[in-house]
C-alpha atoms as a PDB file:
ATOM      1  CA  MET A   1      -2.632 -11.217  -2.619  1.00  0.00           C
ATOM      2  CA  ARG A   2      -3.494  -9.320   0.553  1.00  0.00           C
ATOM      3  CA  ASP A   3      -6.440  -7.264  -0.586  1.00  0.00           C
ATOM      4  CA  THR A   4      -8.821  -7.262   2.378  1.00  0.00           C
ATOM      5  CA  LEU A   5      -8.418  -4.504   4.950  1.00  0.00           C
ATOM      6  CA  VAL A   6      -8.837  -5.492   8.612  1.00  0.00           C
ATOM      7  CA  LEU A   7     -10.144  -2.809  10.956  1.00  0.00           C
ATOM      8  CA  ASN A   8     -10.028  -2.902  14.731  1.00  0.00           C
ATOM      9  CA  ALA A   9     -13.341  -2.726  16.584  1.00  0.00           C
ATOM     10  CA  SER A  10     -12.695   1.044  16.791  1.00  0.00           C
ATOM     11  CA  PHE A  11     -12.416   1.264  12.955  1.00  0.00           C
ATOM     12  CA  GLU A  12      -8.619   1.769  13.008  1.00  0.00           C
ATOM     13  CA  PRO A  13      -6.779  -0.006  10.175  1.00  0.00           C
ATOM     14  CA  LEU A  14      -4.786  -2.955  11.543  1.00  0.00           C
ATOM     15  CA  SER A  15      -3.530  -4.884   8.536  1.00  0.00           C
ATOM     16  CA  THR A  16      -4.383  -6.403   5.209  1.00  0.00           C
ATOM     17  CA  VAL A  17      -5.096 -10.120   4.831  1.00  0.00           C
ATOM     18  CA  THR A  18      -5.818 -12.612   2.095  1.00  0.00           C
ATOM     19  CA  LEU A  19      -9.369 -13.376   1.041  1.00  0.00           C
ATOM     20  CA  ASN A  20      -9.143 -16.833   2.640  1.00  0.00           C
ATOM     21  CA  ARG A  21      -8.097 -15.392   6.010  1.00  0.00           C
ATOM     22  CA  ALA A  22     -10.857 -12.765   5.877  1.00  0.00           C
ATOM     23  CA  VAL A  23     -13.512 -15.409   5.153  1.00  0.00           C
ATOM     24  CA  VAL A  24     -12.246 -17.572   8.035  1.00  0.00           C
ATOM     25  CA  LEU A  25     -12.440 -14.611  10.453  1.00  0.00           C
ATOM     26  CA  VAL A  26     -16.019 -13.866   9.337  1.00  0.00           C
ATOM     27  CA  LEU A  27     -17.101 -17.520   9.544  1.00  0.00           C
ATOM     28  CA  GLN A  28     -15.623 -17.828  13.054  1.00  0.00           C
ATOM     29  CA  ASP A  29     -17.639 -14.739  14.098  1.00  0.00           C
ATOM     30  CA  LYS A  30     -14.431 -12.906  14.935  1.00  0.00           C
ATOM     31  CA  ALA A  31     -15.136 -10.225  12.302  1.00  0.00           C
ATOM     32  CA  VAL A  32     -18.004  -8.713  10.360  1.00  0.00           C
ATOM     33  CA  VAL A  33     -18.018  -7.585   6.756  1.00  0.00           C
ATOM     34  CA  GLU A  34     -18.065  -3.781   6.640  1.00  0.00           C
ATOM     35  CA  GLN A  35     -17.786  -3.515   2.887  1.00  0.00           C
ATOM     36  CA  ALA A  36     -18.120  -6.214   0.252  1.00  0.00           C
ATOM     37  CA  ARG A  37     -17.096  -6.475  -3.362  1.00  0.00           C
ATOM     38  CA  PRO A  38     -20.237  -5.828  -5.397  1.00  0.00           C
ATOM     39  CA  GLY A  39     -21.802  -8.875  -7.020  1.00  0.00           C
ATOM     40  CA  LEU A  40     -19.298 -11.403  -5.624  1.00  0.00           C
ATOM     41  CA  ARG A  41     -20.133 -14.055  -3.033  1.00  0.00           C
ATOM     42  CA  VAL A  42     -18.317 -16.974  -1.407  1.00  0.00           C
ATOM     43  CA  ARG A  43     -20.501 -20.080  -1.301  1.00  0.00           C
ATOM     44  CA  ALA A  44     -20.170 -23.302   0.624  1.00  0.00           C
ATOM     45  CA  ALA A  45     -22.565 -26.176   1.278  1.00  0.00           C
ATOM     46  CA  ALA A  46     -24.451 -24.450   4.078  1.00  0.00           C
ATOM     47  CA  VAL A  47     -23.307 -20.828   4.011  1.00  0.00           C
ATOM     48  CA  GLU A  48     -23.019 -17.907   1.627  1.00  0.00           C
ATOM     49  CA  ILE A  49     -21.249 -14.631   2.434  1.00  0.00           C
ATOM     50  CA  PRO A  50     -20.283 -11.580   0.368  1.00  0.00           C
ATOM     51  CA  VAL A  51     -16.622 -11.350  -0.706  1.00  0.00           C
ATOM     52  CA  PRO A  52     -15.174  -8.918   1.846  1.00  0.00           C
ATOM     53  CA  ARG A  53     -13.173  -5.825   0.874  1.00  0.00           C
ATOM     54  CA  VAL A  54     -13.129  -4.461   4.463  1.00  0.00           C
ATOM     55  CA  ILE A  55     -13.780  -6.429   7.652  1.00  0.00           C
ATOM     56  CA  ARG A  56     -14.003  -5.176  11.237  1.00  0.00           C
ATOM     57  CA  LEU A  57     -12.986  -7.258  14.231  1.00  0.00           C
ATOM     58  CA  CYS A  58     -15.744  -7.826  16.799  1.00  0.00           C
ATOM     59  CA  ARG A  59     -13.374  -7.366  19.737  1.00  0.00           C
ATOM     60  CA  TYR A  60     -10.872  -4.559  20.225  1.00  0.00           C
ATOM     61  CA  VAL A  61      -7.248  -5.650  19.797  1.00  0.00           C
ATOM     62  CA  ARG A  62      -4.640  -3.573  21.613  1.00  0.00           C
ATOM     63  CA  VAL A  63      -1.717  -2.902  19.285  1.00  0.00           C
ATOM     64  CA  PRO A  64       1.580  -1.386  20.394  1.00  0.00           C
ATOM     65  CA  PHE A  65       2.110   2.063  18.919  1.00  0.00           C
ATOM     66  CA  ARG A  66       4.349   2.053  15.852  1.00  0.00           C
ATOM     67  CA  ARG A  67       5.685   5.385  14.660  1.00  0.00           C
ATOM     68  CA  GLN A  68       7.168   4.229  11.379  1.00  0.00           C
ATOM     69  CA  ALA A  69       6.129   1.744   8.760  1.00  0.00           C
ATOM     70  CA  PRO A  70       8.892  -0.825   8.294  1.00  0.00           C
ATOM     71  CA  TRP A  71      10.859  -0.252   5.072  1.00  0.00           C
ATOM     72  CA  SER A  72      10.742  -2.955   2.405  1.00  0.00           C
ATOM     73  CA  ARG A  73      11.296  -3.176  -1.337  1.00  0.00           C
ATOM     74  CA  ARG A  74       7.685  -4.273  -1.802  1.00  0.00           C
ATOM     75  CA  GLY A  75       6.553  -1.306   0.308  1.00  0.00           C
ATOM     76  CA  VAL A  76       8.487   1.149  -1.885  1.00  0.00           C
ATOM     77  CA  LEU A  77       6.975  -0.338  -5.060  1.00  0.00           C
ATOM     78  CA  VAL A  78       3.476  -0.144  -3.553  1.00  0.00           C
ATOM     79  CA  ARG A  79       4.029   3.411  -2.280  1.00  0.00           C
ATOM     80  CA  ASP A  80       5.116   4.507  -5.763  1.00  0.00           C
ATOM     81  CA  GLN A  81       2.319   2.490  -7.427  1.00  0.00           C
ATOM     82  CA  HIS A  82       4.843   0.419  -9.404  1.00  0.00           C
ATOM     83  CA  ARG A  83       5.708   3.514 -11.467  1.00  0.00           C
ATOM     84  CA  CYS A  84       9.276   4.598 -12.246  1.00  0.00           C
ATOM     85  CA  ALA A  85      10.240   7.798 -10.438  1.00  0.00           C
ATOM     86  CA  TYR A  86      12.313   8.896 -13.461  1.00  0.00           C
ATOM     87  CA  CYS A  87      10.157   8.120 -16.521  1.00  0.00           C
ATOM     88  CA  GLY A  88       6.745   7.008 -15.173  1.00  0.00           C
ATOM     89  CA  LYS A  89       6.798   3.577 -16.847  1.00  0.00           C
ATOM     90  CA  ARG A  90       6.209   0.315 -14.978  1.00  0.00           C
ATOM     91  CA  ALA A  91       8.779  -0.121 -12.199  1.00  0.00           C
ATOM     92  CA  THR A  92      10.246  -3.479 -11.255  1.00  0.00           C
ATOM     93  CA  THR A  93      13.232  -2.439  -9.134  1.00  0.00           C
ATOM     94  CA  VAL A  94      14.059  -0.095  -6.267  1.00  0.00           C
ATOM     95  CA  ASP A  95      16.678   2.622  -6.771  1.00  0.00           C
ATOM     96  CA  HIS A  96      18.576   4.543  -4.109  1.00  0.00           C
ATOM     97  CA  VAL A  97      18.439   8.328  -4.591  1.00  0.00           C
ATOM     98  CA  VAL A  98      21.812   8.602  -2.848  1.00  0.00           C
ATOM     99  CA  PRO A  99      23.515   5.382  -3.989  1.00  0.00           C
ATOM    100  CA  ARG A 100      24.684   2.860  -1.421  1.00  0.00           C
ATOM    101  CA  ALA A 101      28.204   3.311  -2.809  1.00  0.00           C
ATOM    102  CA  GLN A 102      28.022   6.938  -1.613  1.00  0.00           C
ATOM    103  CA  GLY A 103      26.623   6.057   1.818  1.00  0.00           C
ATOM    104  CA  GLY A 104      22.906   5.942   0.960  1.00  0.00           C
ATOM    105  CA  ARG A 105      20.770   3.668   3.106  1.00  0.00           C
ATOM    106  CA  ASP A 106      17.598   1.623   2.744  1.00  0.00           C
ATOM    107  CA  THR A 107      15.120   4.240   3.969  1.00  0.00           C
ATOM    108  CA  TRP A 108      11.752   5.506   2.747  1.00  0.00           C
ATOM    109  CA  LEU A 109      13.213   8.913   1.843  1.00  0.00           C
ATOM    110  CA  ASN A 110      16.236   7.503  -0.018  1.00  0.00           C
ATOM    111  CA  THR A 111      14.525   4.875  -2.186  1.00  0.00           C
ATOM    112  CA  VAL A 112      12.161   5.124  -5.149  1.00  0.00           C
ATOM    113  CA  ALA A 113      10.608   2.660  -7.570  1.00  0.00           C
ATOM    114  CA  SER A 114      12.448   2.496 -10.875  1.00  0.00           C
ATOM    115  CA  CYS A 115      12.304   0.623 -14.158  1.00  0.00           C
ATOM    116  CA  ALA A 116      15.343  -1.593 -14.794  1.00  0.00           C
ATOM    117  CA  MET A 117      16.549   0.571 -17.700  1.00  0.00           C
ATOM    118  CA  ASP A 118      16.590   3.814 -15.659  1.00  0.00           C
ATOM    119  CA  ASN A 119      18.079   2.054 -12.623  1.00  0.00           C
ATOM    120  CA  HIS A 120      20.929   0.786 -14.817  1.00  0.00           C
ATOM    121  CA  ARG A 121      21.335   4.159 -16.581  1.00  0.00           C
ATOM    122  CA  LYS A 122      21.543   6.082 -13.282  1.00  0.00           C
ATOM    123  CA  ALA A 123      24.004   3.542 -11.821  1.00  0.00           C
ATOM    124  CA  ASP A 124      26.015   4.815  -8.828  1.00  0.00           C
ATOM    125  CA  ARG A 125      25.160   8.499  -9.302  1.00  0.00           C
ATOM    126  CA  THR A 126      22.657  10.853  -7.708  1.00  0.00           C
ATOM    127  CA  PRO A 127      19.735  12.000  -9.904  1.00  0.00           C
ATOM    128  CA  GLU A 128      21.438  15.403 -10.324  1.00  0.00           C
ATOM    129  CA  GLU A 129      24.732  13.833 -11.432  1.00  0.00           C
ATOM    130  CA  ALA A 130      22.894  11.576 -13.908  1.00  0.00           C
ATOM    131  CA  GLY A 131      20.666  14.384 -15.226  1.00  0.00           C
ATOM    132  CA  MET A 132      17.560  12.374 -14.272  1.00  0.00           C
ATOM    133  CA  PRO A 133      15.168  14.486 -12.146  1.00  0.00           C
ATOM    134  CA  LEU A 134      12.608  12.723  -9.966  1.00  0.00           C
ATOM    135  CA  LEU A 135       8.992  13.058 -11.138  1.00  0.00           C
ATOM    136  CA  ARG A 136       7.833  12.827  -7.519  1.00  0.00           C
ATOM    137  CA  GLN A 137       9.714  13.097  -4.237  1.00  0.00           C
ATOM    138  CA  PRO A 138       9.801  10.017  -1.979  1.00  0.00           C
ATOM    139  CA  PHE A 139       7.903  10.220   1.311  1.00  0.00           C
ATOM    140  CA  GLU A 140       7.603   8.151   4.454  1.00  0.00           C
ATOM    141  CA  PRO A 141       4.118   6.655   4.876  1.00  0.00           C
ATOM    142  CA  THR A 142       2.648   6.144   8.332  1.00  0.00           C
ATOM    143  CA  PRO A 143       1.927   2.517   9.251  1.00  0.00           C
ATOM    144  CA  ALA A 144      -1.818   3.047   8.632  1.00  0.00           C
ATOM    145  CA  ASP A 145      -1.161   4.762   5.303  1.00  0.00           C
ATOM    146  CA  ALA A 146       1.152   1.919   4.243  1.00  0.00           C
ATOM    147  CA  MET A 147      -1.667  -0.581   4.820  1.00  0.00           C
ATOM    148  CA  LEU A 148      -4.139   1.508   2.872  1.00  0.00           C
ATOM    149  CA  LEU A 149      -1.651   2.025   0.042  1.00  0.00           C
ATOM    150  CA  ALA A 150      -1.262  -1.753  -0.159  1.00  0.00           C
ATOM    151  CA  LEU A 151      -4.933  -1.920  -1.133  1.00  0.00           C
ATOM    152  CA  GLY A 152      -4.194   0.097  -4.270  1.00  0.00           C
ATOM    153  CA  ARG A 153      -5.950   3.131  -5.719  1.00  0.00           C
ATOM    154  CA  ASP A 154      -9.224   1.287  -6.386  1.00  0.00           C
ATOM    155  CA  GLY A 155      -9.278  -0.160  -2.879  1.00  0.00           C
ATOM    156  CA  VAL A 156      -8.705   3.208  -1.203  1.00  0.00           C
ATOM    157  CA  ALA A 157     -11.313   4.916  -3.387  1.00  0.00           C
ATOM    158  CA  ALA A 158     -13.915   2.328  -2.396  1.00  0.00           C
ATOM    159  CA  LEU A 159     -13.392   2.598   1.369  1.00  0.00           C
ATOM    160  CA  PRO A 160     -16.248   3.914   3.504  1.00  0.00           C
ATOM    161  CA  ASP A 161     -15.874   7.460   4.859  1.00  0.00           C
ATOM    162  CA  GLY A 162     -15.199   6.581   8.519  1.00  0.00           C
ATOM    163  CA  VAL A 163     -12.270   4.219   7.957  1.00  0.00           C
ATOM    164  CA  SER A 164      -9.317   6.575   8.288  1.00  0.00           C
ATOM    165  CA  PRO A 165      -8.744  10.283   8.756  1.00  0.00           C
ATOM    166  CA  ALA A 166      -5.973  10.033   6.129  1.00  0.00           C
ATOM    167  CA  ARG A 167      -8.382   8.550   3.558  1.00  0.00           C
ATOM    168  CA  ALA A 168      -8.936  11.844   1.719  1.00  0.00           C
ATOM    169  CA  GLN A 169      -5.191  12.484   1.610  1.00  0.00           C
ATOM    170  CA  LEU A 170      -4.561   8.988   0.246  1.00  0.00           C
ATOM    171  CA  ARG A 171      -7.280   9.407  -2.359  1.00  0.00           C
ATOM    172  CA  ALA A 172      -5.633  12.644  -3.484  1.00  0.00           C
ATOM    173  CA  TRP A 173      -2.202  11.004  -3.513  1.00  0.00           C
ATOM    174  CA  GLY A 174      -3.561   8.088  -5.536  1.00  0.00           C
ATOM    175  CA  SER A 175      -5.007  10.459  -8.110  1.00  0.00           C
ATOM    176  CA  LEU A 176      -1.603  12.016  -8.717  1.00  0.00           C
ATOM    177  CA  ALA A 177      -0.830   9.488 -11.420  1.00  0.00           C
ATOM    178  CA  PHE A 178       2.288  10.020 -13.452  1.00  0.00           C
ATOM    179  CA  SER A 179       1.662  11.822 -16.706  1.00  0.00           C
ATOM    180  CA  ALA A 180       3.601   9.180 -18.635  1.00  0.00           C
ATOM    181  CA  ALA A 181       1.686   6.290 -17.053  1.00  0.00           C
END
């Protein structure tokens, strides 16, 4: 699982990586550990380092500007915290608000996480036609927000203050748990 946030040398979020990749970057002196998981350490024969939660690259990496986070089914599930947009239970599928049969597309604003039962019950109808109101409206995350959301609520809550200007907004969004959850 990709649960280590990688920051640029300027503290901008770049991506999330696996624990193995984060440890390799630290051992190669390409990154430093900004925040570690408390009480956990990675040990080898001659070295011992804390298990990184956030690492920062030592050199600045120029990244082309990206206005939109790329849409994906996994991204929708992560954005909606694996909670059904209709009932709040655990979501395993992605549902189209405007069904594909009616011209709906795979976009951030037209897709929500859904449990299989509600996805089947709604079928090829809009939420209004099916009498199934959305508990929360879909939104389009920025690329940086999408990376932070991938860390999960606990990961975002544990980030240091200077990581992202959207951190407070993401913390607030993460605290808006569904009432049925």
